[in-house]
C-alpha atoms as a PDB file:
ATOM      1  CA  MET A   1       5.278  70.800  14.367  1.00  0.00           C
ATOM      2  CA  THR A   2       5.194  67.999  11.798  1.00  0.00           C
ATOM      3  CA  THR A   3       6.108  64.402  12.563  1.00  0.00           C
ATOM      4  CA  GLU A   4       9.330  64.875  10.611  1.00  0.00           C
ATOM      5  CA  ASP A   5      10.151  68.015  12.582  1.00  0.00           C
ATOM      6  CA  ALA A   6       9.453  66.273  15.874  1.00  0.00           C
ATOM      7  CA  SER A   7      11.699  63.357  14.995  1.00  0.00           C
ATOM      8  CA  SER A   8      14.559  65.697  14.133  1.00  0.00           C
ATOM      9  CA  VAL A   9      14.441  67.651  17.386  1.00  0.00           C
ATOM     10  CA  GLY A  10      17.614  66.957  19.358  1.00  0.00           C
ATOM     11  CA  ARG A  11      19.950  66.770  16.385  1.00  0.00           C
ATOM     12  CA  THR A  12      22.035  69.222  14.423  1.00  0.00           C
ATOM     13  CA  ASP A  13      22.762  68.946  10.724  1.00  0.00           C
ATOM     14  CA  ALA A  14      26.511  69.127  11.230  1.00  0.00           C
ATOM     15  CA  GLY A  15      27.621  65.520  11.437  1.00  0.00           C
ATOM     16  CA  SER A  16      24.210  64.523  12.902  1.00  0.00           C
ATOM     17  CA  GLU A  17      25.555  65.254  16.355  1.00  0.00           C
ATOM     18  CA  THR A  18      23.024  64.798  19.100  1.00  0.00           C
ATOM     19  CA  ILE A  19      22.323  67.554  21.578  1.00  0.00           C
ATOM     20  CA  ASP A  20      21.075  65.207  24.257  1.00  0.00           C
ATOM     21  CA  GLU A  21      23.922  66.333  26.493  1.00  0.00           C
ATOM     22  CA  TYR A  22      22.167  69.621  27.089  1.00  0.00           C
ATOM     23  CA  ALA A  23      18.567  68.456  26.870  1.00  0.00           C
ATOM     24  CA  ASP A  24      17.987  69.286  30.531  1.00  0.00           C
ATOM     25  CA  LEU A  25      19.010  72.888  29.804  1.00  0.00           C
ATOM     26  CA  GLY A  26      16.210  73.185  27.259  1.00  0.00           C
ATOM     27  CA  ALA A  27      18.447  72.983  24.181  1.00  0.00           C
ATOM     28  CA  THR A  28      16.470  71.504  21.292  1.00  0.00           C
ATOM     29  CA  THR A  29      17.757  73.627  18.396  1.00  0.00           C
ATOM     30  CA  GLU A  30      21.170  74.395  16.940  1.00  0.00           C
ATOM     31  CA  ASN A  31      21.131  77.937  18.319  1.00  0.00           C
ATOM     32  CA  ALA A  32      20.095  76.731  21.774  1.00  0.00           C
ATOM     33  CA  MET A  33      22.852  74.131  21.684  1.00  0.00           C
ATOM     34  CA  ALA A  34      25.435  76.851  21.006  1.00  0.00           C
ATOM     35  CA  ILE A  35      24.172  78.861  23.973  1.00  0.00           C
ATOM     36  CA  ALA A  36      24.206  75.831  26.259  1.00  0.00           C
ATOM     37  CA  GLU A  37      27.731  74.865  25.186  1.00  0.00           C
ATOM     38  CA  THR A  38      28.995  78.398  25.754  1.00  0.00           C
ATOM     39  CA  SER A  39      27.398  78.473  29.181  1.00  0.00           C
ATOM     40  CA  MET A  40      29.034  75.216  30.235  1.00  0.00           C
ATOM     41  CA  ASP A  41      32.374  76.300  28.765  1.00  0.00           C
ATOM     42  CA  ARG A  42      32.272  79.339  31.045  1.00  0.00           C
ATOM     43  CA  VAL A  43      31.433  77.144  34.011  1.00  0.00           C
ATOM     44  CA  ARG A  44      34.449  74.952  33.247  1.00  0.00           C
ATOM     45  CA  GLU A  45      36.625  78.046  33.429  1.00  0.00           C
ATOM     46  CA  LEU A  46      35.496  78.437  37.041  1.00  0.00           C
ATOM     47  CA  VAL A  47      35.317  74.821  38.209  1.00  0.00           C
ATOM     48  CA  PRO A  48      37.923  72.051  37.793  1.00  0.00           C
ATOM     49  CA  ASP A  49      37.177  69.498  35.091  1.00  0.00           C
ATOM     50  CA  GLU A  50      39.211  66.486  36.163  1.00  0.00           C
ATOM     51  CA  THR A  51      36.934  64.064  38.013  1.00  0.00           C
ATOM     52  CA  LEU A  52      33.380  62.768  37.943  1.00  0.00           C
ATOM     53  CA  ALA A  53      32.702  64.761  41.104  1.00  0.00           C
ATOM     54  CA  ASP A  54      33.872  67.882  39.275  1.00  0.00           C
ATOM     55  CA  ARG A  55      31.065  67.358  36.770  1.00  0.00           C
ATOM     56  CA  ILE A  56      28.562  67.480  39.615  1.00  0.00           C
ATOM     57  CA  ARG A  57      30.217  70.600  40.995  1.00  0.00           C
ATOM     58  CA  GLN A  58      30.040  72.189  37.554  1.00  0.00           C
ATOM     59  CA  LYS A  59      26.351  71.404  37.259  1.00  0.00           C
ATOM     60  CA  SER A  60      25.721  72.884  40.700  1.00  0.00           C
ATOM     61  CA  VAL A  61      27.350  76.141  39.590  1.00  0.00           C
ATOM     62  CA  HIS A  62      25.371  76.175  36.367  1.00  0.00           C
ATOM     63  CA  ALA A  63      22.091  75.466  38.175  1.00  0.00           C
ATOM     64  CA  THR A  64      22.611  78.161  40.805  1.00  0.00           C
ATOM     65  CA  GLY A  65      24.558  80.745  38.789  1.00  0.00           C
ATOM     66  CA  ASP A  66      27.003  80.926  41.688  1.00  0.00           C
ATOM     67  CA  PRO A  67      30.656  79.871  41.229  1.00  0.00           C
ATOM     68  CA  GLU A  68      31.036  79.533  45.000  1.00  0.00           C
ATOM     69  CA  PHE A  69      28.411  76.794  45.145  1.00  0.00           C
ATOM     70  CA  GLN A  70      31.011  74.277  43.977  1.00  0.00           C
ATOM     71  CA  HIS A  71      32.487  74.449  47.488  1.00  0.00           C
ATOM     72  CA  LEU A  72      29.148  73.599  49.117  1.00  0.00           C
ATOM     73  CA  VAL A  73      28.614  70.224  47.437  1.00  0.00           C
ATOM     74  CA  ARG A  74      29.274  67.124  49.533  1.00  0.00           C
ATOM     75  CA  PHE A  75      29.819  63.507  48.466  1.00  0.00           C
ATOM     76  CA  THR A  76      29.381  60.726  51.004  1.00  0.00           C
ATOM     77  CA  GLY A  77      28.404  57.088  51.162  1.00  0.00           C
ATOM     78  CA  GLY A  78      30.538  54.219  50.048  1.00  0.00           C
ATOM     79  CA  THR A  79      32.773  52.752  47.415  1.00  0.00           C
ATOM     80  CA  ASP A  80      31.805  50.093  44.904  1.00  0.00           C
ATOM     81  CA  ASP A  81      32.146  47.365  47.537  1.00  0.00           C
ATOM     82  CA  GLY A  82      29.822  49.189  49.942  1.00  0.00           C
ATOM     83  CA  SER A  83      32.521  50.121  52.432  1.00  0.00           C
ATOM     84  CA  ARG A  84      32.872  53.575  53.921  1.00  0.00           C
ATOM     85  CA  HIS A  85      35.479  55.606  52.116  1.00  0.00           C
ATOM     86  CA  GLU A  86      36.297  59.211  51.358  1.00  0.00           C
ATOM     87  CA  ASP A  87      35.873  59.063  47.592  1.00  0.00           C
ATOM     88  CA  ASP A  88      33.999  61.958  45.992  1.00  0.00           C
ATOM     89  CA  ASP A  89      33.553  60.066  42.723  1.00  0.00           C
ATOM     90  CA  ALA A  90      31.885  57.068  44.399  1.00  0.00           C
ATOM     91  CA  PRO A  91      28.329  58.508  44.511  1.00  0.00           C
ATOM     92  CA  VAL A  92      28.624  59.633  40.877  1.00  0.00           C
ATOM     93  CA  ARG A  93      29.702  56.160  39.813  1.00  0.00           C
ATOM     94  CA  ALA A  94      26.852  54.648  41.806  1.00  0.00           C
ATOM     95  CA  GLY A  95      24.338  57.033  40.258  1.00  0.00           C
ATOM     96  CA  ALA A  96      25.532  56.472  36.695  1.00  0.00           C
ATOM     97  CA  ARG A  97      25.514  52.712  37.223  1.00  0.00           C
ATOM     98  CA  ALA A  98      21.940  52.921  38.545  1.00  0.00           C
ATOM     99  CA  VAL A  99      20.929  54.841  35.414  1.00  0.00           C
ATOM    100  CA  LEU A 100      22.507  52.189  33.200  1.00  0.00           C
ATOM    101  CA  GLU A 101      20.618  49.541  35.167  1.00  0.00           C
ATOM    102  CA  ARG A 102      17.359  51.462  34.613  1.00  0.00           C
ATOM    103  CA  ARG A 103      16.691  51.912  38.310  1.00  0.00           C
ATOM    104  CA  PRO A 104      13.677  54.083  39.227  1.00  0.00           C
ATOM    105  CA  ILE A 105      14.228  57.794  39.816  1.00  0.00           C
ATOM    106  CA  VAL A 106      12.005  58.832  42.725  1.00  0.00           C
ATOM    107  CA  THR A 107      11.606  62.554  43.468  1.00  0.00           C
ATOM    108  CA  ASP A 108       9.994  64.231  46.444  1.00  0.00           C
ATOM    109  CA  ILE A 109       7.730  66.665  44.573  1.00  0.00           C
ATOM    110  CA  THR A 110       6.306  67.373  41.126  1.00  0.00           C
ATOM    111  CA  MET A 111       8.718  70.218  40.328  1.00  0.00           C
ATOM    112  CA  VAL A 112      11.760  67.962  40.658  1.00  0.00           C
ATOM    113  CA  GLU A 113      10.056  65.251  38.627  1.00  0.00           C
ATOM    114  CA  ALA A 114       9.363  67.766  35.855  1.00  0.00           C
ATOM    115  CA  GLY A 115      13.035  68.766  35.760  1.00  0.00           C
ATOM    116  CA  ILE A 116      14.385  65.265  35.144  1.00  0.00           C
ATOM    117  CA  THR A 117      15.444  64.904  31.526  1.00  0.00           C
ATOM    118  CA  GLY A 118      13.565  62.376  29.419  1.00  0.00           C
ATOM    119  CA  ARG A 119      16.608  61.695  27.265  1.00  0.00           C
ATOM    120  CA  GLY A 120      19.601  59.452  27.716  1.00  0.00           C
ATOM    121  CA  HIS A 121      17.975  56.926  30.035  1.00  0.00           C
ATOM    122  CA  ASP A 122      15.173  54.397  30.368  1.00  0.00           C
ATOM    123  CA  CYS A 123      14.602  54.864  34.096  1.00  0.00           C
ATOM    124  CA  PRO A 124      11.007  55.121  35.278  1.00  0.00           C
ATOM    125  CA  VAL A 125      10.507  58.488  36.980  1.00  0.00           C
ATOM    126  CA  LYS A 126       7.935  59.018  39.714  1.00  0.00           C
ATOM    127  CA  LYS A 127       7.229  61.441  42.537  1.00  0.00           C
ATOM    128  CA  ALA A 128       6.555  60.658  46.172  1.00  0.00           C
ATOM    129  CA  ILE A 129       4.092  63.472  46.862  1.00  0.00           C
ATOM    130  CA  GLY A 130       0.513  62.290  46.560  1.00  0.00           C
ATOM    131  CA  ASN A 131       1.154  59.075  48.444  1.00  0.00           C
ATOM    132  CA  GLY A 132       0.668  58.558  52.174  1.00  0.00           C
ATOM    133  CA  ALA A 133      -2.293  60.924  52.571  1.00  0.00           C
ATOM    134  CA  GLU A 134      -3.896  58.752  55.257  1.00  0.00           C
ATOM    135  CA  LEU A 135      -0.635  58.627  57.229  1.00  0.00           C
ATOM    136  CA  ALA A 136      -0.262  62.413  57.042  1.00  0.00           C
ATOM    137  CA  ASN A 137      -3.833  62.977  58.195  1.00  0.00           C
ATOM    138  CA  ARG A 138      -3.517  60.503  61.030  1.00  0.00           C
ATOM    139  CA  THR A 139      -0.172  61.639  62.393  1.00  0.00           C
ATOM    140  CA  GLY A 140       0.007  65.296  61.404  1.00  0.00           C
ATOM    141  CA  MET A 141       3.380  64.857  59.721  1.00  0.00           C
ATOM    142  CA  THR A 142       4.057  66.688  56.467  1.00  0.00           C
ATOM    143  CA  ARG A 143       2.685  65.248  53.257  1.00  0.00           C
ATOM    144  CA  THR A 144       6.167  64.837  51.810  1.00  0.00           C
ATOM    145  CA  ALA A 145       7.451  62.926  54.841  1.00  0.00           C
ATOM    146  CA  ALA A 146       4.387  60.693  54.789  1.00  0.00           C
ATOM    147  CA  SER A 147       4.838  60.143  51.053  1.00  0.00           C
ATOM    148  CA  VAL A 148       8.428  58.990  51.506  1.00  0.00           C
ATOM    149  CA  LEU A 149       7.446  56.622  54.315  1.00  0.00           C
ATOM    150  CA  GLU A 150       4.577  55.191  52.282  1.00  0.00           C
ATOM    151  CA  LEU A 151       6.733  54.546  49.218  1.00  0.00           C
ATOM    152  CA  ASP A 152       9.408  53.033  51.429  1.00  0.00           C
ATOM    153  CA  ARG A 153       6.802  50.705  52.916  1.00  0.00           C
ATOM    154  CA  GLU A 154       6.105  49.582  49.337  1.00  0.00           C
ATOM    155  CA  GLY A 155       9.816  48.997  48.705  1.00  0.00           C
ATOM    156  CA  VAL A 156      10.088  51.747  46.089  1.00  0.00           C
ATOM    157  CA  TYR A 157      13.328  53.265  47.395  1.00  0.00           C
ATOM    158  CA  GLU A 158      15.309  50.034  47.463  1.00  0.00           C
ATOM    159  CA  ASP A 159      18.061  50.319  44.797  1.00  0.00           C
ATOM    160  CA  ALA A 160      16.401  53.485  43.459  1.00  0.00           C
ATOM    161  CA  ILE A 161      17.834  56.895  42.644  1.00  0.00           C
ATOM    162  CA  ALA A 162      16.247  58.942  45.439  1.00  0.00           C
ATOM    163  CA  VAL A 163      16.026  62.671  44.696  1.00  0.00           C
ATOM    164  CA  ILE A 164      14.910  65.320  47.188  1.00  0.00           C
ATOM    165  CA  GLY A 165      14.953  68.925  46.057  1.00  0.00           C
ATOM    166  CA  ASN A 166      12.417  70.709  48.179  1.00  0.00           C
ATOM    167  CA  ALA A 167      11.311  69.206  51.484  1.00  0.00           C
ATOM    168  CA  PRO A 168      13.634  68.871  54.489  1.00  0.00           C
ATOM    169  CA  THR A 169      11.082  66.599  56.164  1.00  0.00           C
ATOM    170  CA  ALA A 170      11.330  64.248  53.175  1.00  0.00           C
ATOM    171  CA  ALA A 171      15.105  64.095  53.648  1.00  0.00           C
ATOM    172  CA  LEU A 172      14.663  63.364  57.347  1.00  0.00           C
ATOM    173  CA  ALA A 173      12.129  60.649  56.566  1.00  0.00           C
ATOM    174  CA  LEU A 174      14.478  59.083  54.005  1.00  0.00           C
ATOM    175  CA  ALA A 175      17.287  59.134  56.582  1.00  0.00           C
ATOM    176  CA  ASP A 176      15.008  57.207  58.947  1.00  0.00           C
ATOM    177  CA  CYS A 177      14.266  54.692  56.189  1.00  0.00           C
ATOM    178  CA  ILE A 178      17.976  54.164  55.517  1.00  0.00           C
ATOM    179  CA  GLU A 179      18.592  53.742  59.227  1.00  0.00           C
ATOM    180  CA  ASP A 180      15.871  51.084  59.266  1.00  0.00           C
ATOM    181  CA  GLY A 181      17.472  49.114  56.426  1.00  0.00           C
ATOM    182  CA  THR A 182      16.478  50.666  53.099  1.00  0.00           C
ATOM    183  CA  ARG A 183      19.344  50.961  50.630  1.00  0.00           C
ATOM    184  CA  PRO A 184      18.845  53.350  47.711  1.00  0.00           C
ATOM    185  CA  ALA A 185      21.387  53.069  44.908  1.00  0.00           C
ATOM    186  CA  VAL A 186      22.198  56.752  45.422  1.00  0.00           C
ATOM    187  CA  VAL A 187      20.604  59.782  47.082  1.00  0.00           C
ATOM    188  CA  VAL A 188      20.630  63.304  45.647  1.00  0.00           C
ATOM    189  CA  ALA A 189      19.313  65.668  48.309  1.00  0.00           C
ATOM    190  CA  THR A 190      19.274  69.474  48.150  1.00  0.00           C
ATOM    191  CA  PRO A 191      16.215  70.502  50.188  1.00  0.00           C
ATOM    192  CA  VAL A 192      16.032  74.256  50.569  1.00  0.00           C
ATOM    193  CA  GLY A 193      14.939  76.616  53.307  1.00  0.00           C
ATOM    194  CA  PHE A 194      15.525  78.164  56.719  1.00  0.00           C
ATOM    195  CA  VAL A 195      13.824  75.436  58.780  1.00  0.00           C
ATOM    196  CA  LYS A 196      15.541  72.026  59.015  1.00  0.00           C
ATOM    197  CA  ALA A 197      17.061  72.183  55.513  1.00  0.00           C
ATOM    198  CA  ALA A 198      20.716  72.179  56.533  1.00  0.00           C
ATOM    199  CA  GLU A 199      19.984  69.903  59.494  1.00  0.00           C
ATOM    200  CA  SER A 200      18.168  67.373  57.327  1.00  0.00           C
ATOM    201  CA  ARG A 201      21.098  67.099  54.937  1.00  0.00           C
ATOM    202  CA  THR A 202      23.536  66.762  57.835  1.00  0.00           C
ATOM    203  CA  ARG A 203      21.525  63.865  59.237  1.00  0.00           C
ATOM    204  CA  LEU A 204      21.167  62.258  55.828  1.00  0.00           C
ATOM    205  CA  ARG A 205      24.919  62.420  55.241  1.00  0.00           C
ATOM    206  CA  SER A 206      25.614  60.950  58.676  1.00  0.00           C
ATOM    207  CA  VAL A 207      23.202  58.050  58.247  1.00  0.00           C
ATOM    208  CA  ALA A 208      24.349  57.407  54.684  1.00  0.00           C
ATOM    209  CA  LEU A 209      28.006  57.329  55.721  1.00  0.00           C
ATOM    210  CA  GLU A 210      27.207  54.912  58.525  1.00  0.00           C
ATOM    211  CA  HIS A 211      25.318  52.534  56.240  1.00  0.00           C
ATOM    212  CA  GLY A 212      27.328  52.912  53.039  1.00  0.00           C
ATOM    213  CA  VAL A 213      24.650  54.632  50.947  1.00  0.00           C
ATOM    214  CA  PRO A 214      26.135  56.975  48.315  1.00  0.00           C
ATOM    215  CA  THR A 215      24.836  60.533  48.586  1.00  0.00           C
ATOM    216  CA  ILE A 216      25.250  63.873  46.842  1.00  0.00           C
ATOM    217  CA  THR A 217      24.134  66.799  48.993  1.00  0.00           C
ATOM    218  CA  ASN A 218      25.136  70.349  49.878  1.00  0.00           C
ATOM    219  CA  VAL A 219      25.689  72.362  53.020  1.00  0.00           C
ATOM    220  CA  GLY A 220      23.930  75.552  54.046  1.00  0.00           C
ATOM    221  CA  ARG A 221      20.374  76.807  53.537  1.00  0.00           C
ATOM    222  CA  ARG A 222      20.414  76.947  49.749  1.00  0.00           C
ATOM    223  CA  GLY A 223      19.319  74.212  47.372  1.00  0.00           C
ATOM    224  CA  GLY A 224      16.052  73.580  45.604  1.00  0.00           C
ATOM    225  CA  SER A 225      14.236  71.589  42.956  1.00  0.00           C
ATOM    226  CA  GLY A 226      16.171  72.921  39.971  1.00  0.00           C
ATOM    227  CA  LEU A 227      19.483  72.039  41.605  1.00  0.00           C
ATOM    228  CA  ALA A 228      18.353  68.514  42.505  1.00  0.00           C
ATOM    229  CA  ALA A 229      17.066  67.900  38.978  1.00  0.00           C
ATOM    230  CA  GLY A 230      20.243  69.293  37.434  1.00  0.00           C
ATOM    231  CA  LEU A 231      22.513  67.093  39.539  1.00  0.00           C
ATOM    232  CA  THR A 232      20.409  64.040  38.740  1.00  0.00           C
ATOM    233  CA  ASN A 233      20.543  64.883  35.042  1.00  0.00           C
ATOM    234  CA  GLU A 234      24.311  64.995  35.259  1.00  0.00           C
ATOM    235  CA  LEU A 235      24.255  61.405  36.530  1.00  0.00           C
ATOM    236  CA  VAL A 236      22.294  60.591  33.371  1.00  0.00           C
ATOM    237  CA  HIS A 237      24.925  62.370  31.270  1.00  0.00           C
ATOM    238  CA  VAL A 238      27.740  60.438  32.934  1.00  0.00           C
ATOM    239  CA  ALA A 239      25.868  57.211  32.207  1.00  0.00           C
ATOM    240  CA  SER A 240      25.426  58.287  28.580  1.00  0.00           C
ATOM    241  CA  ASP A 241      29.153  58.959  28.298  1.00  0.00           C
ATOM    242  CA  VAL A 242      29.855  55.492  29.670  1.00  0.00           C
ATOM    243  CA  ARG A 243      27.431  53.975  27.202  1.00  0.00           C
ATOM    244  CA  ASP A 244      28.952  55.664  24.146  1.00  0.00           C
ATOM    245  CA  GLY A 245      32.529  55.072  25.261  1.00  0.00           C
ATOM    246  CA  THR A 246      33.424  58.689  26.053  1.00  0.00           C
ATOM    247  CA  ILE A 247      34.202  57.493  29.565  1.00  0.00           C
ATOM    248  CA  ASP A 248      36.181  54.269  29.808  1.00  0.00           C
ATOM    249  CA  ALA A 249      34.610  52.884  32.961  1.00  0.00           C
ATOM    250  CA  GLU A 250      35.554  49.446  34.246  1.00  0.00           C
ATOM    251  CA  TRP A 251      33.245  50.096  37.203  1.00  0.00           C
ATOM    252  CA  ALA A 252      30.127  50.220  35.006  1.00  0.00           C
ATOM    253  CA  ASP A 253      28.558  47.188  33.443  1.00  0.00           C
ATOM    254  CA  ASP A 254      26.074  48.538  30.887  1.00  0.00           C
ATOM    255  CA  PRO A 255      23.303  45.928  30.642  1.00  0.00           C
ATOM    256  CA  GLN A 256      22.776  46.887  27.005  1.00  0.00           C
END
């Protein structure tokens, strides 16, 4: 690929429209953009398209290929003033605002990190796994749990976008951190599996609701890295829509 070709990736010739909206779906050509748009159009036929929370539900259906997954997504945490409130849009607003403020995106494992789009934001993206090796060896806890605790000790999760797509023990560790005073800007947690996955998300929702931390999670055993990355990317897309004026958002103060 030439330098000129590389610089033109992400745009179509028709009106120079960007295709950043679907960058996380792998669309980098005009044909791919058409496929991605058609796919999302079909999702919108199955999922309401009225609220910010609906956009997250739509992305969950697209990521899983299951229209019923929209009913498994849960939104908890707080409103803009930090109070407890049943407002499904609140975590989406918090996540988009964190993107606009260039808060760090911190994932549990490499696979989730790899799925976070590089377009539409200037947030530093890092993974937890690989940290806390000494703690894991000394205590016998999982590497992911130890990684979360180590990064929390360093203050990494404060005001960050915390994303957990694989490890239930990481979700449990993050719940402990929140209980002990850490306040992420938003948590996206969809750890998957038959052991502690559903329980970890239940605990995380409970702790987050108690302490006013916005969270996007799901119920049941399903989940995974692709889902967590997709939901996080939708927060980026919401932020992009705020930035370009597609969404008129008094709740967001774009620092740019």
